[in-house]
Amino acid sequence: MTVHTTRTTFAAATSLLVLGLAACTAPGTPEPAPSSETNSAANDPFHIEQPKNLAAVSEPCQLLTSAQAQQLGAGSPEPDSSEWGQGACKWRNQQFSTKVAPDTAQGQGLRWAAKIDGDDQGNPNVRVNGYPAVHGGISGIRCSTTVGVSDTQALMVHFTTGSEGRGNPEYTDPCAMSDKIAGMVLENIPPA
């Protein structure tokens, strides 16, 4: 019986000691819970960390500099219009043609293009220089890249391999070319 009482007394004393130490310990510094706004932005496939102001560029042919056009081997810029009636610009030669079409008029950013050309949930399926984008109109010689530059603005770049460009290994992936050109254009759009 003495052994049982000793064990019970020892267990009770140990419990009191642990509780006493816990009461004397400084509480840990609580970490703030991440805000739901931060979590939702990080999980939003349309989120744009550094929005651009595409409307600040009034002349679409200025979206690709002459040095960039020369680097690509593009022809001279020609004013054009987009499918939604806004100004655009195209460059073409026998190697390839490309068209840059800003969308500051429809007010939907990338969402309208993602519904058509995005993944199964209508989300962007590619990124260009960190910006959400989608590919559309894809064939062996053609691809369009639409990039969201803000919540309400988007940029579409069409690329088509020309008759003399079909042997050029750089043009075998037209989406890589439209992405490359879109990346160049992004460099020329000022921040919002």
C-alpha atoms as a PDB file:
ATOM      1  CA  MET A   1       0.000   0.000   0.000  1.00  0.00           C
ATOM      2  CA  THR A   2       2.917   2.341   0.703  1.00  0.00           C
ATOM      3  CA  VAL A   3       4.231   1.862  -2.838  1.00  0.00           C
ATOM      4  CA  HIS A   4       0.846   2.825  -4.304  1.00  0.00           C
ATOM      5  CA  THR A   5       0.611   5.978  -2.146  1.00  0.00           C
ATOM      6  CA  THR A   6       4.177   6.967  -3.009  1.00  0.00           C
ATOM      7  CA  ARG A   7       3.485   6.625  -6.731  1.00  0.00           C
ATOM      8  CA  THR A   8       0.298   8.666  -6.469  1.00  0.00           C
ATOM      9  CA  THR A   9       2.074  11.383  -4.483  1.00  0.00           C
ATOM     10  CA  PHE A  10       4.950  11.433  -6.984  1.00  0.00           C
ATOM     11  CA  ALA A  11       2.539  11.687  -9.958  1.00  0.00           C
ATOM     12  CA  ALA A  12       0.627  14.526  -8.297  1.00  0.00           C
ATOM     13  CA  ALA A  13       3.837  16.404  -7.456  1.00  0.00           C
ATOM     14  CA  THR A  14       5.144  16.005 -11.013  1.00  0.00           C
ATOM     15  CA  SER A  15       1.861  17.315 -12.434  1.00  0.00           C
ATOM     16  CA  LEU A  16       1.976  20.355 -10.151  1.00  0.00           C
ATOM     17  CA  LEU A  17       5.585  21.023 -11.126  1.00  0.00           C
ATOM     18  CA  VAL A  18       4.754  20.898 -14.850  1.00  0.00           C
ATOM     19  CA  LEU A  19       1.747  23.181 -14.371  1.00  0.00           C
ATOM     20  CA  GLY A  20       3.826  25.582 -12.302  1.00  0.00           C
ATOM     21  CA  LEU A  21       6.552  25.773 -14.952  1.00  0.00           C
ATOM     22  CA  ALA A  22       3.996  26.310 -17.687  1.00  0.00           C
ATOM     23  CA  ALA A  23       2.444  29.181 -15.738  1.00  0.00           C
ATOM     24  CA  CYS A  24       5.827  30.858 -15.255  1.00  0.00           C
ATOM     25  CA  THR A  25       6.898  30.597 -18.879  1.00  0.00           C
ATOM     26  CA  ALA A  26       6.424  33.702 -21.010  1.00  0.00           C
ATOM     27  CA  PRO A  27       3.746  33.149 -23.599  1.00  0.00           C
ATOM     28  CA  GLY A  28       4.960  32.726 -27.158  1.00  0.00           C
ATOM     29  CA  THR A  29       4.539  35.603 -29.547  1.00  0.00           C
ATOM     30  CA  PRO A  30       1.433  34.879 -31.528  1.00  0.00           C
ATOM     31  CA  GLU A  31       1.871  35.106 -35.283  1.00  0.00           C
ATOM     32  CA  PRO A  32      -0.809  37.020 -37.103  1.00  0.00           C
ATOM     33  CA  ALA A  33      -2.933  34.910 -39.381  1.00  0.00           C
ATOM     34  CA  PRO A  34      -2.410  35.726 -43.048  1.00  0.00           C
ATOM     35  CA  SER A  35      -5.144  37.967 -44.325  1.00  0.00           C
ATOM     36  CA  SER A  36      -7.719  36.422 -46.585  1.00  0.00           C
ATOM     37  CA  GLU A  37      -6.938  39.169 -49.107  1.00  0.00           C
ATOM     38  CA  THR A  38      -3.324  37.987 -49.384  1.00  0.00           C
ATOM     39  CA  ASN A  39      -4.399  34.360 -49.674  1.00  0.00           C
ATOM     40  CA  SER A  40      -7.043  35.106 -52.275  1.00  0.00           C
ATOM     41  CA  ALA A  41      -4.620  37.186 -54.384  1.00  0.00           C
ATOM     42  CA  ALA A  42      -2.010  34.438 -54.260  1.00  0.00           C
ATOM     43  CA  ASN A  43      -4.606  31.850 -55.290  1.00  0.00           C
ATOM     44  CA  ASP A  44      -6.192  33.987 -58.020  1.00  0.00           C
ATOM     45  CA  PRO A  45      -4.805  32.827 -61.383  1.00  0.00           C
ATOM     46  CA  PHE A  46      -5.677  36.247 -62.845  1.00  0.00           C
ATOM     47  CA  HIS A  47      -3.771  38.182 -60.142  1.00  0.00           C
ATOM     48  CA  ILE A  48      -1.308  40.696 -61.572  1.00  0.00           C
ATOM     49  CA  GLU A  49       1.408  41.676 -59.127  1.00  0.00           C
ATOM     50  CA  GLN A  50       2.607  44.709 -61.115  1.00  0.00           C
ATOM     51  CA  PRO A  51      -0.221  46.023 -63.334  1.00  0.00           C
ATOM     52  CA  LYS A  52       0.636  47.946 -66.466  1.00  0.00           C
ATOM     53  CA  ASN A  53      -1.175  50.873 -68.097  1.00  0.00           C
ATOM     54  CA  LEU A  54      -1.666  49.825 -71.700  1.00  0.00           C
ATOM     55  CA  ALA A  55      -3.904  52.854 -72.313  1.00  0.00           C
ATOM     56  CA  ALA A  56      -0.885  55.121 -71.758  1.00  0.00           C
ATOM     57  CA  VAL A  57       0.532  53.984 -75.126  1.00  0.00           C
ATOM     58  CA  SER A  58      -1.626  55.826 -77.644  1.00  0.00           C
ATOM     59  CA  GLU A  59       0.024  54.449 -80.795  1.00  0.00           C
ATOM     60  CA  PRO A  60      -0.035  50.619 -81.035  1.00  0.00           C
ATOM     61  CA  CYS A  61       2.966  50.620 -83.401  1.00  0.00           C
ATOM     62  CA  GLN A  62       5.032  51.979 -80.488  1.00  0.00           C
ATOM     63  CA  LEU A  63       4.386  48.822 -78.461  1.00  0.00           C
ATOM     64  CA  LEU A  64       7.308  47.187 -80.263  1.00  0.00           C
ATOM     65  CA  THR A  65      10.356  49.428 -80.636  1.00  0.00           C
ATOM     66  CA  SER A  66      12.215  49.675 -83.938  1.00  0.00           C
ATOM     67  CA  ALA A  67      15.231  48.021 -82.263  1.00  0.00           C
ATOM     68  CA  GLN A  68      13.040  45.109 -81.127  1.00  0.00           C
ATOM     69  CA  ALA A  69      11.470  44.791 -84.589  1.00  0.00           C
ATOM     70  CA  GLN A  70      14.950  44.759 -86.107  1.00  0.00           C
ATOM     71  CA  GLN A  71      16.088  42.120 -83.588  1.00  0.00           C
ATOM     72  CA  LEU A  72      13.153  39.955 -84.674  1.00  0.00           C
ATOM     73  CA  GLY A  73      13.827  40.601 -88.351  1.00  0.00           C
ATOM     74  CA  ALA A  74      10.330  42.049 -88.752  1.00  0.00           C
ATOM     75  CA  GLY A  75       9.285  44.368 -91.546  1.00  0.00           C
ATOM     76  CA  SER A  76       8.063  47.925 -91.169  1.00  0.00           C
ATOM     77  CA  PRO A  77       5.129  48.620 -88.846  1.00  0.00           C
ATOM     78  CA  GLU A  78       1.703  49.017 -90.449  1.00  0.00           C
ATOM     79  CA  PRO A  79      -1.294  50.432 -88.563  1.00  0.00           C
ATOM     80  CA  ASP A  80      -4.151  47.930 -88.360  1.00  0.00           C
ATOM     81  CA  SER A  81      -7.239  47.301 -86.242  1.00  0.00           C
ATOM     82  CA  SER A  82      -8.204  44.601 -83.784  1.00  0.00           C
ATOM     83  CA  GLU A  83     -11.183  42.283 -83.885  1.00  0.00           C
ATOM     84  CA  TRP A  84     -12.861  44.520 -81.275  1.00  0.00           C
ATOM     85  CA  GLY A  85     -12.317  47.689 -83.327  1.00  0.00           C
ATOM     86  CA  GLN A  86      -9.376  49.156 -81.446  1.00  0.00           C
ATOM     87  CA  GLY A  87      -6.123  50.232 -83.104  1.00  0.00           C
ATOM     88  CA  ALA A  88      -3.441  47.571 -83.608  1.00  0.00           C
ATOM     89  CA  CYS A  89      -0.150  47.249 -85.472  1.00  0.00           C
ATOM     90  CA  LYS A  90       1.327  44.555 -87.698  1.00  0.00           C
ATOM     91  CA  TRP A  91       4.742  43.741 -89.051  1.00  0.00           C
ATOM     92  CA  ARG A  92       5.120  41.303 -91.916  1.00  0.00           C
ATOM     93  CA  ASN A  93       7.577  39.935 -94.389  1.00  0.00           C
ATOM     94  CA  GLN A  94       8.105  36.593 -96.138  1.00  0.00           C
ATOM     95  CA  GLN A  95       9.510  35.035 -92.928  1.00  0.00           C
ATOM     96  CA  PHE A  96       6.615  35.812 -90.588  1.00  0.00           C
ATOM     97  CA  SER A  97       3.898  38.250 -89.660  1.00  0.00           C
ATOM     98  CA  THR A  98       2.973  39.487 -86.225  1.00  0.00           C
ATOM     99  CA  LYS A  99       0.177  41.686 -84.997  1.00  0.00           C
ATOM    100  CA  VAL A 100       0.053  43.489 -81.658  1.00  0.00           C
ATOM    101  CA  ALA A 101      -3.443  44.422 -80.520  1.00  0.00           C
ATOM    102  CA  PRO A 102      -4.035  46.237 -77.221  1.00  0.00           C
ATOM    103  CA  ASP A 103      -7.413  45.821 -75.529  1.00  0.00           C
ATOM    104  CA  THR A 104      -8.230  48.743 -73.284  1.00  0.00           C
ATOM    105  CA  ALA A 105     -11.822  49.050 -74.510  1.00  0.00           C
ATOM    106  CA  GLN A 106     -13.632  45.872 -73.438  1.00  0.00           C
ATOM    107  CA  GLY A 107     -12.727  46.207 -69.736  1.00  0.00           C
ATOM    108  CA  GLN A 108     -12.430  42.473 -69.059  1.00  0.00           C
ATOM    109  CA  GLY A 109      -8.659  42.080 -68.994  1.00  0.00           C
ATOM    110  CA  LEU A 110      -7.676  38.486 -69.674  1.00  0.00           C
ATOM    111  CA  ARG A 111     -10.939  36.940 -68.454  1.00  0.00           C
ATOM    112  CA  TRP A 112     -12.721  36.966 -71.814  1.00  0.00           C
ATOM    113  CA  ALA A 113      -9.832  35.218 -73.608  1.00  0.00           C
ATOM    114  CA  ALA A 114      -9.330  32.722 -70.770  1.00  0.00           C
ATOM    115  CA  LYS A 115     -12.958  31.591 -71.055  1.00  0.00           C
ATOM    116  CA  ILE A 116     -12.248  30.606 -74.656  1.00  0.00           C
ATOM    117  CA  ASP A 117      -8.577  29.597 -74.658  1.00  0.00           C
ATOM    118  CA  GLY A 118      -7.741  28.962 -70.989  1.00  0.00           C
ATOM    119  CA  ASP A 119      -7.668  25.711 -69.064  1.00  0.00           C
ATOM    120  CA  ASP A 120     -10.747  23.589 -68.276  1.00  0.00           C
ATOM    121  CA  GLN A 121     -11.856  26.079 -65.600  1.00  0.00           C
ATOM    122  CA  GLY A 122     -11.421  29.129 -67.859  1.00  0.00           C
ATOM    123  CA  ASN A 123      -8.173  30.201 -66.190  1.00  0.00           C
ATOM    124  CA  PRO A 124      -4.867  31.324 -67.714  1.00  0.00           C
ATOM    125  CA  ASN A 125      -2.679  28.399 -68.753  1.00  0.00           C
ATOM    126  CA  VAL A 126       0.658  30.117 -69.352  1.00  0.00           C
ATOM    127  CA  ARG A 127       2.666  33.062 -67.989  1.00  0.00           C
ATOM    128  CA  VAL A 128       4.704  35.584 -69.968  1.00  0.00           C
ATOM    129  CA  ASN A 129       7.296  37.496 -67.939  1.00  0.00           C
ATOM    130  CA  GLY A 130       5.223  36.779 -64.823  1.00  0.00           C
ATOM    131  CA  TYR A 131       1.920  37.937 -66.338  1.00  0.00           C
ATOM    132  CA  PRO A 132      -1.041  35.547 -66.777  1.00  0.00           C
ATOM    133  CA  ALA A 133      -1.724  34.597 -70.388  1.00  0.00           C
ATOM    134  CA  VAL A 134      -3.452  32.144 -72.715  1.00  0.00           C
ATOM    135  CA  HIS A 135      -2.640  30.708 -76.128  1.00  0.00           C
ATOM    136  CA  GLY A 136      -5.262  30.585 -78.846  1.00  0.00           C
ATOM    137  CA  GLY A 137      -5.627  29.962 -82.564  1.00  0.00           C
ATOM    138  CA  ILE A 138      -2.858  27.380 -82.410  1.00  0.00           C
ATOM    139  CA  SER A 139      -1.731  25.533 -85.512  1.00  0.00           C
ATOM    140  CA  GLY A 140       1.606  24.374 -86.880  1.00  0.00           C
ATOM    141  CA  ILE A 141       2.365  27.873 -88.180  1.00  0.00           C
ATOM    142  CA  ARG A 142       0.223  30.159 -86.021  1.00  0.00           C
ATOM    143  CA  CYS A 143      -0.383  31.118 -82.392  1.00  0.00           C
ATOM    144  CA  SER A 144      -1.859  34.026 -80.479  1.00  0.00           C
ATOM    145  CA  THR A 145      -0.799  34.958 -76.969  1.00  0.00           C
ATOM    146  CA  THR A 146      -3.177  37.094 -74.934  1.00  0.00           C
ATOM    147  CA  VAL A 147      -1.615  38.590 -71.801  1.00  0.00           C
ATOM    148  CA  GLY A 148      -3.461  40.242 -68.926  1.00  0.00           C
ATOM    149  CA  VAL A 149      -1.662  43.465 -67.995  1.00  0.00           C
ATOM    150  CA  SER A 150      -4.265  44.719 -65.490  1.00  0.00           C
ATOM    151  CA  ASP A 151      -7.709  43.686 -64.265  1.00  0.00           C
ATOM    152  CA  THR A 152      -9.300  45.525 -67.196  1.00  0.00           C
ATOM    153  CA  GLN A 153      -6.630  45.533 -69.934  1.00  0.00           C
ATOM    154  CA  ALA A 154      -5.077  42.829 -72.095  1.00  0.00           C
ATOM    155  CA  LEU A 155      -2.646  42.558 -74.956  1.00  0.00           C
ATOM    156  CA  MET A 156      -2.956  40.127 -77.864  1.00  0.00           C
ATOM    157  CA  VAL A 157       0.012  39.118 -80.021  1.00  0.00           C
ATOM    158  CA  HIS A 158      -0.599  37.047 -83.161  1.00  0.00           C
ATOM    159  CA  PHE A 159       2.317  35.236 -84.824  1.00  0.00           C
ATOM    160  CA  THR A 160       2.172  33.429 -88.173  1.00  0.00           C
ATOM    161  CA  THR A 161       5.119  31.799 -89.913  1.00  0.00           C
ATOM    162  CA  GLY A 162       5.461  33.005 -93.501  1.00  0.00           C
ATOM    163  CA  SER A 163       6.192  30.922 -96.583  1.00  0.00           C
ATOM    164  CA  GLU A 164       9.949  31.548 -96.378  1.00  0.00           C
ATOM    165  CA  GLY A 165      10.075  31.057 -92.606  1.00  0.00           C
ATOM    166  CA  ARG A 166       8.865  27.466 -92.521  1.00  0.00           C
ATOM    167  CA  GLY A 167      12.422  26.118 -92.537  1.00  0.00           C
ATOM    168  CA  ASN A 168      13.514  28.395 -89.678  1.00  0.00           C
ATOM    169  CA  PRO A 169      13.868  26.281 -86.499  1.00  0.00           C
ATOM    170  CA  GLU A 170      12.997  29.314 -84.350  1.00  0.00           C
ATOM    171  CA  TYR A 171       9.514  29.365 -85.894  1.00  0.00           C
ATOM    172  CA  THR A 172       8.694  25.667 -85.352  1.00  0.00           C
ATOM    173  CA  ASP A 173       6.920  26.634 -82.108  1.00  0.00           C
ATOM    174  CA  PRO A 174       4.742  29.614 -83.025  1.00  0.00           C
ATOM    175  CA  CYS A 175       3.509  29.990 -79.424  1.00  0.00           C
ATOM    176  CA  ALA A 176       7.106  30.424 -78.237  1.00  0.00           C
ATOM    177  CA  MET A 177       7.472  33.213 -80.800  1.00  0.00           C
ATOM    178  CA  SER A 178       4.213  34.942 -79.838  1.00  0.00           C
ATOM    179  CA  ASP A 179       5.281  34.664 -76.166  1.00  0.00           C
ATOM    180  CA  LYS A 180       8.697  36.141 -77.017  1.00  0.00           C
ATOM    181  CA  ILE A 181       7.136  39.088 -78.845  1.00  0.00           C
ATOM    182  CA  ALA A 182       4.573  39.606 -76.057  1.00  0.00           C
ATOM    183  CA  GLY A 183       7.456  39.690 -73.562  1.00  0.00           C
ATOM    184  CA  MET A 184       9.183  42.382 -75.631  1.00  0.00           C
ATOM    185  CA  VAL A 185       5.976  44.426 -75.773  1.00  0.00           C
ATOM    186  CA  LEU A 186       5.516  44.152 -71.990  1.00  0.00           C
ATOM    187  CA  GLU A 187       8.873  45.913 -71.559  1.00  0.00           C
ATOM    188  CA  ASN A 188       7.431  48.964 -73.354  1.00  0.00           C
ATOM    189  CA  ILE A 189       4.217  49.367 -71.346  1.00  0.00           C
ATOM    190  CA  PRO A 190       4.457  51.742 -68.368  1.00  0.00           C
ATOM    191  CA  PRO A 191       3.316  50.655 -64.901  1.00  0.00           C
ATOM    192  CA  ALA A 192      -0.214  51.524 -63.812  1.00  0.00           C
END
